[in-house]
Amino acid sequence: MKTQQISNWDKMVHAPFRKVVKFDLICMAIGAMMGIGAGAYLATSGILG
């Protein structure tokens, strides 16, 4: 039955979507902080300018 396949697909794909988005946002925030820190270090150490 196609309805059963769609509901199983729905459970597999759409159920953890919020968790995936939350994890992605956390990783992006950590990456942005690391990038800002590295940029500030390079700017103050005189490598960039």
PDB file of N, CA and C in Angstrom:
ATOM      1  N   MET A   1       0.832  -1.192   0.000  1.00  0.00           N
ATOM      2  CA  MET A   1       0.000   0.000   0.000  1.00  0.00           C
ATOM      3  C   MET A   1       0.877   1.257   0.000  1.00  0.00           C
ATOM      4  N   LYS A   2       0.502   2.195  -0.805  1.00  0.00           N
ATOM      5  CA  LYS A   2       1.301   3.408  -0.903  1.00  0.00           C
ATOM      6  C   LYS A   2       1.151   4.287   0.333  1.00  0.00           C
ATOM      7  N   THR A   3      -0.006   4.305   0.939  1.00  0.00           N
ATOM      8  CA  THR A   3      -0.187   5.164   2.120  1.00  0.00           C
ATOM      9  C   THR A   3       0.730   4.717   3.247  1.00  0.00           C
ATOM     10  N   GLN A   4       0.942   3.412   3.382  1.00  0.00           N
ATOM     11  CA  GLN A   4       1.838   2.914   4.421  1.00  0.00           C
ATOM     12  C   GLN A   4       3.272   3.354   4.148  1.00  0.00           C
ATOM     13  N   GLN A   5       3.707   3.298   2.901  1.00  0.00           N
ATOM     14  CA  GLN A   5       5.060   3.722   2.559  1.00  0.00           C
ATOM     15  C   GLN A   5       5.243   5.220   2.837  1.00  0.00           C
ATOM     16  N   ILE A   6       4.252   6.010   2.497  1.00  0.00           N
ATOM     17  CA  ILE A   6       4.366   7.452   2.715  1.00  0.00           C
ATOM     18  C   ILE A   6       4.440   7.746   4.209  1.00  0.00           C
ATOM     19  N   SER A   7       3.629   7.068   5.016  1.00  0.00           N
ATOM     20  CA  SER A   7       3.661   7.351   6.455  1.00  0.00           C
ATOM     21  C   SER A   7       4.996   6.903   7.064  1.00  0.00           C
ATOM     22  N   ASN A   8       5.543   5.790   6.602  1.00  0.00           N
ATOM     23  CA  ASN A   8       6.858   5.372   7.096  1.00  0.00           C
ATOM     24  C   ASN A   8       7.922   6.380   6.680  1.00  0.00           C
ATOM     25  N   TRP A   9       7.857   6.839   5.448  1.00  0.00           N
ATOM     26  CA  TRP A   9       8.801   7.850   4.962  1.00  0.00           C
ATOM     27  C   TRP A   9       8.663   9.116   5.791  1.00  0.00           C
ATOM     28  N   ASP A  10       7.408   9.490   6.090  1.00  0.00           N
ATOM     29  CA  ASP A  10       7.146  10.661   6.924  1.00  0.00           C
ATOM     30  C   ASP A  10       7.809  10.512   8.287  1.00  0.00           C
ATOM     31  N   LYS A  11       7.668   9.343   8.883  1.00  0.00           N
ATOM     32  CA  LYS A  11       8.268   9.118  10.202  1.00  0.00           C
ATOM     33  C   LYS A  11       9.786   9.205  10.122  1.00  0.00           C
ATOM     34  N   MET A  12      10.370   8.646   9.078  1.00  0.00           N
ATOM     35  CA  MET A  12      11.827   8.632   8.976  1.00  0.00           C
ATOM     36  C   MET A  12      12.384  10.028   8.707  1.00  0.00           C
ATOM     37  N   VAL A  13      11.718  10.800   7.842  1.00  0.00           N
ATOM     38  CA  VAL A  13      12.323  12.036   7.369  1.00  0.00           C
ATOM     39  C   VAL A  13      11.890  13.235   8.203  1.00  0.00           C
ATOM     40  N   HIS A  14      10.616  13.366   8.485  1.00  0.00           N
ATOM     41  CA  HIS A  14      10.109  14.607   9.056  1.00  0.00           C
ATOM     42  C   HIS A  14      10.092  14.628  10.579  1.00  0.00           C
ATOM     43  N   ALA A  15      10.172  13.475  11.215  1.00  0.00           N
ATOM     44  CA  ALA A  15      10.114  13.475  12.677  1.00  0.00           C
ATOM     45  C   ALA A  15      11.329  14.150  13.304  1.00  0.00           C
ATOM     46  N   PRO A  16      12.558  13.821  12.903  1.00  0.00           N
ATOM     47  CA  PRO A  16      13.704  14.447  13.573  1.00  0.00           C
ATOM     48  C   PRO A  16      14.135  15.766  12.947  1.00  0.00           C
ATOM     49  N   PHE A  17      13.286  16.381  12.107  1.00  0.00           N
ATOM     50  CA  PHE A  17      13.705  17.565  11.357  1.00  0.00           C
ATOM     51  C   PHE A  17      14.065  18.713  12.288  1.00  0.00           C
ATOM     52  N   ARG A  18      13.273  18.929  13.352  1.00  0.00           N
ATOM     53  CA  ARG A  18      13.577  20.022  14.285  1.00  0.00           C
ATOM     54  C   ARG A  18      14.898  19.776  14.998  1.00  0.00           C
ATOM     55  N   LYS A  19      15.163  18.527  15.345  1.00  0.00           N
ATOM     56  CA  LYS A  19      16.438  18.215  15.999  1.00  0.00           C
ATOM     57  C   LYS A  19      17.598  18.488  15.054  1.00  0.00           C
ATOM     58  N   VAL A  20      17.425  18.155  13.786  1.00  0.00           N
ATOM     59  CA  VAL A  20      18.486  18.389  12.803  1.00  0.00           C
ATOM     60  C   VAL A  20      18.734  19.880  12.659  1.00  0.00           C
ATOM     61  N   VAL A  21      17.659  20.670  12.582  1.00  0.00           N
ATOM     62  CA  VAL A  21      17.809  22.123  12.430  1.00  0.00           C
ATOM     63  C   VAL A  21      18.479  22.702  13.663  1.00  0.00           C
ATOM     64  N   LYS A  22      18.065  22.248  14.851  1.00  0.00           N
ATOM     65  CA  LYS A  22      18.666  22.756  16.087  1.00  0.00           C
ATOM     66  C   LYS A  22      20.156  22.418  16.136  1.00  0.00           C
ATOM     67  N   PHE A  23      20.505  21.197  15.793  1.00  0.00           N
ATOM     68  CA  PHE A  23      21.914  20.777  15.779  1.00  0.00           C
ATOM     69  C   PHE A  23      22.712  21.609  14.781  1.00  0.00           C
ATOM     70  N   ASP A  24      22.114  21.848  13.607  1.00  0.00           N
ATOM     71  CA  ASP A  24      22.793  22.623  12.577  1.00  0.00           C
ATOM     72  C   ASP A  24      23.035  24.054  13.055  1.00  0.00           C
ATOM     73  N   LEU A  25      22.043  24.655  13.702  1.00  0.00           N
ATOM     74  CA  LEU A  25      22.205  26.024  14.190  1.00  0.00           C
ATOM     75  C   LEU A  25      23.266  26.099  15.281  1.00  0.00           C
ATOM     76  N   ILE A  26      23.306  25.096  16.157  1.00  0.00           N
ATOM     77  CA  ILE A  26      24.328  25.072  17.210  1.00  0.00           C
ATOM     78  C   ILE A  26      25.717  24.971  16.583  1.00  0.00           C
ATOM     79  N   CYS A  27      25.862  24.089  15.583  1.00  0.00           N
ATOM     80  CA  CYS A  27      27.165  23.942  14.925  1.00  0.00           C
ATOM     81  C   CYS A  27      27.568  25.221  14.214  1.00  0.00           C
ATOM     82  N   MET A  28      26.603  25.890  13.579  1.00  0.00           N
ATOM     83  CA  MET A  28      26.928  27.142  12.897  1.00  0.00           C
ATOM     84  C   MET A  28      27.337  28.215  13.898  1.00  0.00           C
ATOM     85  N   ALA A  29      26.676  28.257  15.056  1.00  0.00           N
ATOM     86  CA  ALA A  29      27.029  29.245  16.077  1.00  0.00           C
ATOM     87  C   ALA A  29      28.433  28.988  16.607  1.00  0.00           C
ATOM     88  N   ILE A  30      28.753  27.715  16.860  1.00  0.00           N
ATOM     89  CA  ILE A  30      30.099  27.380  17.344  1.00  0.00           C
ATOM     90  C   ILE A  30      31.144  27.742  16.285  1.00  0.00           C
ATOM     91  N   GLY A  31      30.850  27.438  15.025  1.00  0.00           N
ATOM     92  CA  GLY A  31      31.769  27.768  13.952  1.00  0.00           C
ATOM     93  C   GLY A  31      31.960  29.272  13.811  1.00  0.00           C
ATOM     94  N   ALA A  32      30.880  30.035  13.967  1.00  0.00           N
ATOM     95  CA  ALA A  32      30.997  31.499  13.874  1.00  0.00           C
ATOM     96  C   ALA A  32      31.854  32.034  15.009  1.00  0.00           C
ATOM     97  N   MET A  33      31.658  31.512  16.219  1.00  0.00           N
ATOM     98  CA  MET A  33      32.477  31.960  17.352  1.00  0.00           C
ATOM     99  C   MET A  33      33.951  31.626  17.128  1.00  0.00           C
ATOM    100  N   MET A  34      34.218  30.420  16.621  1.00  0.00           N
ATOM    101  CA  MET A  34      35.608  30.041  16.361  1.00  0.00           C
ATOM    102  C   MET A  34      36.210  30.928  15.268  1.00  0.00           C
ATOM    103  N   GLY A  35      35.419  31.225  14.235  1.00  0.00           N
ATOM    104  CA  GLY A  35      35.906  32.082  13.170  1.00  0.00           C
ATOM    105  C   GLY A  35      36.192  33.495  13.650  1.00  0.00           C
ATOM    106  N   ILE A  36      35.305  34.025  14.504  1.00  0.00           N
ATOM    107  CA  ILE A  36      35.527  35.368  15.048  1.00  0.00           C
ATOM    108  C   ILE A  36      36.775  35.372  15.925  1.00  0.00           C
ATOM    109  N   GLY A  37      36.919  34.328  16.733  1.00  0.00           N
ATOM    110  CA  GLY A  37      38.102  34.244  17.590  1.00  0.00           C
ATOM    111  C   GLY A  37      39.381  34.146  16.788  1.00  0.00           C
ATOM    112  N   ALA A  38      39.375  33.331  15.745  1.00  0.00           N
ATOM    113  CA  ALA A  38      40.575  33.188  14.907  1.00  0.00           C
ATOM    114  C   ALA A  38      40.869  34.497  14.186  1.00  0.00           C
ATOM    115  N   GLY A  39      39.826  35.159  13.695  1.00  0.00           N
ATOM    116  CA  GLY A  39      40.030  36.441  13.011  1.00  0.00           C
ATOM    117  C   GLY A  39      40.576  37.498  13.953  1.00  0.00           C
ATOM    118  N   ALA A  40      40.058  37.540  15.176  1.00  0.00           N
ATOM    119  CA  ALA A  40      40.552  38.510  16.140  1.00  0.00           C
ATOM    120  C   ALA A  40      42.009  38.212  16.500  1.00  0.00           C
ATOM    121  N   TYR A  41      42.336  36.933  16.652  1.00  0.00           N
ATOM    122  CA  TYR A  41      43.721  36.554  16.950  1.00  0.00           C
ATOM    123  C   TYR A  41      44.658  36.972  15.825  1.00  0.00           C
ATOM    124  N   LEU A  42      44.263  36.690  14.600  1.00  0.00           N
ATOM    125  CA  LEU A  42      45.112  37.050  13.466  1.00  0.00           C
ATOM    126  C   LEU A  42      45.232  38.560  13.331  1.00  0.00           C
ATOM    127  N   ALA A  43      44.161  39.281  13.609  1.00  0.00           N
ATOM    128  CA  ALA A  43      44.210  40.740  13.489  1.00  0.00           C
ATOM    129  C   ALA A  43      45.117  41.343  14.569  1.00  0.00           C
ATOM    130  N   THR A  44      45.034  40.797  15.786  1.00  0.00           N
ATOM    131  CA  THR A  44      45.851  41.370  16.867  1.00  0.00           C
ATOM    132  C   THR A  44      47.305  40.911  16.789  1.00  0.00           C
ATOM    133  N   SER A  45      47.553  39.761  16.191  1.00  0.00           N
ATOM    134  CA  SER A  45      48.933  39.281  16.123  1.00  0.00           C
ATOM    135  C   SER A  45      49.706  39.930  14.972  1.00  0.00           C
ATOM    136  N   GLY A  46      49.026  40.646  14.120  1.00  0.00           N
ATOM    137  CA  GLY A  46      49.714  41.380  13.066  1.00  0.00           C
ATOM    138  C   GLY A  46      49.914  40.591  11.791  1.00  0.00           C
ATOM    139  N   ILE A  47      49.338  39.386  11.695  1.00  0.00           N
ATOM    140  CA  ILE A  47      49.532  38.575  10.481  1.00  0.00           C
ATOM    141  C   ILE A  47      48.747  39.178   9.316  1.00  0.00           C
ATOM    142  N   LEU A  48      47.553  39.682   9.624  1.00  0.00           N
ATOM    143  CA  LEU A  48      46.700  40.181   8.544  1.00  0.00           C
ATOM    144  C   LEU A  48      47.012  41.638   8.187  1.00  0.00           C
ATOM    145  N   GLY A  49      47.591  42.368   9.092  1.00  0.00           N
ATOM    146  CA  GLY A  49      47.777  43.759   8.768  1.00  0.00           C
ATOM    147  C   GLY A  49      48.987  44.297   9.441  1.00  0.00           C
TER     148      GLY A  49
END
